[in-house]
Amino acid sequence: MRNGAHGEGRTLPVRSCVQCGVSGDKGSLLRIAGRPERGWEPDPEGKRPGRGIYLCRKAECIEGFMRRVRTPKGGARWRMGPGGAVLADRLAAWWAVEAEKQGE
């Protein structure tokens, strides 16, 4: 540590939503963790190992991304193959739980 408290003067990592392009600090976006050809899954805490794909936590971005990765071209973007549909299903399940929490 340098001069002072832990984290003093540090900047937060910035990431961009792959759907709409808006930038934000890493913690404000939903992370999708995984590796090409090994599988992907939602990582809302941002702690899983692997590459990260980031999305806004807005319905239009999440739903648009789910539609996109279900297509051969969209899944090919991250070399997901048939795993794109699996990821879309996992995202849909996660999103349903999140929407229910918001309704409480």
Protein backbone atom coordinates (compact mmCIF):
# COMPACT_ATOMS: atom_id res chain seq x y z
CA MET A 1 0.00 0.00 0.00
CA ARG A 2 1.15 3.47 -0.77
CA ASN A 3 0.49 6.56 1.28
CA GLY A 4 -2.75 6.05 3.11
CA ALA A 5 -5.71 3.73 3.31
CA HIS A 6 -6.26 0.70 1.15
CA GLY A 7 -7.77 1.67 -2.18
CA GLU A 8 -7.10 5.38 -1.85
CA GLY A 9 -6.65 6.95 -5.25
CA ARG A 10 -7.67 3.79 -7.09
CA THR A 11 -10.02 3.96 -10.04
CA LEU A 12 -12.74 1.42 -10.68
CA PRO A 13 -12.37 -0.80 -13.76
CA VAL A 14 -14.61 0.34 -16.63
CA ARG A 15 -16.35 -2.10 -18.95
CA SER A 16 -18.79 -1.70 -21.87
CA CYS A 17 -22.10 -3.43 -22.49
CA VAL A 18 -21.73 -5.69 -25.55
CA GLN A 19 -25.34 -5.05 -26.50
CA CYS A 20 -25.70 -1.24 -26.36
CA GLY A 21 -22.10 -0.08 -25.90
CA VAL A 22 -22.69 2.02 -22.76
CA SER A 23 -19.66 2.13 -20.45
CA GLY A 24 -19.89 1.76 -16.70
CA ASP A 25 -17.89 0.60 -13.74
CA LYS A 26 -17.38 -3.13 -13.69
CA GLY A 27 -19.69 -3.71 -10.70
CA SER A 28 -22.66 -1.99 -12.29
CA LEU A 29 -22.80 -4.37 -15.27
CA LEU A 30 -23.80 -8.04 -15.39
CA ARG A 31 -20.83 -10.26 -16.14
CA ILE A 32 -21.13 -13.41 -18.22
CA ALA A 33 -18.19 -15.67 -17.35
CA GLY A 34 -16.72 -18.53 -19.30
CA ARG A 35 -14.42 -19.62 -22.05
CA PRO A 36 -15.05 -20.20 -25.74
CA GLU A 37 -16.06 -23.80 -26.39
CA ARG A 38 -16.16 -24.58 -22.65
CA GLY A 39 -19.38 -22.85 -21.70
CA TRP A 40 -20.67 -19.57 -20.34
CA GLU A 41 -22.91 -18.59 -17.45
CA PRO A 42 -24.20 -15.49 -15.68
CA ASP A 43 -21.79 -14.23 -13.03
CA PRO A 44 -23.62 -11.42 -11.21
CA GLU A 45 -21.00 -11.29 -8.44
CA GLY A 46 -18.13 -11.10 -10.97
CA LYS A 47 -16.06 -13.76 -9.20
CA ARG A 48 -16.05 -16.79 -11.52
CA PRO A 49 -12.90 -17.63 -13.48
CA GLY A 50 -12.73 -17.12 -17.22
CA ARG A 51 -13.29 -14.40 -19.77
CA GLY A 52 -15.97 -11.81 -19.12
CA ILE A 53 -18.73 -10.51 -21.34
CA TYR A 54 -20.54 -7.52 -19.85
CA LEU A 55 -24.16 -6.41 -20.18
CA CYS A 56 -26.21 -3.53 -18.78
CA ARG A 57 -28.70 -4.74 -16.23
CA LYS A 58 -31.54 -3.37 -18.36
CA ALA A 59 -34.22 -5.67 -19.76
CA GLU A 60 -33.65 -4.56 -23.36
CA CYS A 61 -29.93 -5.37 -23.24
CA ILE A 62 -30.31 -8.73 -21.51
CA GLU A 63 -33.24 -9.82 -23.69
CA GLY A 64 -31.51 -8.60 -26.85
CA PHE A 65 -28.33 -10.48 -25.95
CA MET A 66 -30.35 -13.66 -25.28
CA ARG A 67 -31.94 -13.41 -28.74
CA ARG A 68 -28.57 -12.65 -30.30
CA VAL A 69 -26.63 -15.62 -28.87
CA ARG A 70 -29.39 -18.04 -29.88
CA THR A 71 -28.58 -17.33 -33.55
CA PRO A 72 -25.64 -19.07 -35.26
CA LYS A 73 -24.02 -15.72 -36.08
CA GLY A 74 -24.48 -14.34 -32.55
CA GLY A 75 -23.18 -17.50 -30.91
CA ALA A 76 -20.22 -17.55 -33.31
CA ARG A 77 -19.17 -14.09 -32.09
CA TRP A 78 -17.91 -15.67 -28.85
CA ARG A 79 -17.41 -19.17 -30.29
CA MET A 80 -20.34 -20.50 -28.28
CA GLY A 81 -21.82 -22.78 -30.92
CA PRO A 82 -24.83 -24.59 -29.45
CA GLY A 83 -23.75 -23.22 -26.06
CA GLY A 84 -25.32 -19.89 -27.03
CA ALA A 85 -28.80 -21.35 -26.54
CA VAL A 86 -27.72 -22.85 -23.22
CA LEU A 87 -26.39 -19.48 -22.07
CA ALA A 88 -29.61 -17.78 -23.21
CA ASP A 89 -31.63 -20.26 -21.11
CA ARG A 90 -29.39 -19.65 -18.07
CA LEU A 91 -29.71 -15.89 -18.53
CA ALA A 92 -33.50 -16.18 -18.82
CA ALA A 93 -33.64 -18.13 -15.54
CA TRP A 94 -31.37 -15.61 -13.80
CA TRP A 95 -33.37 -12.68 -15.20
CA ALA A 96 -36.68 -14.21 -13.98
CA VAL A 97 -35.28 -14.44 -10.44
CA GLU A 98 -34.00 -10.86 -10.62
CA ALA A 99 -37.35 -9.58 -11.87
CA GLU A 100 -39.09 -11.37 -9.02
CA LYS A 101 -36.71 -9.77 -6.49
CA GLN A 102 -37.47 -6.34 -7.96
CA GLY A 103 -41.19 -6.99 -7.57
CA GLU A 104 -40.85 -7.61 -3.81
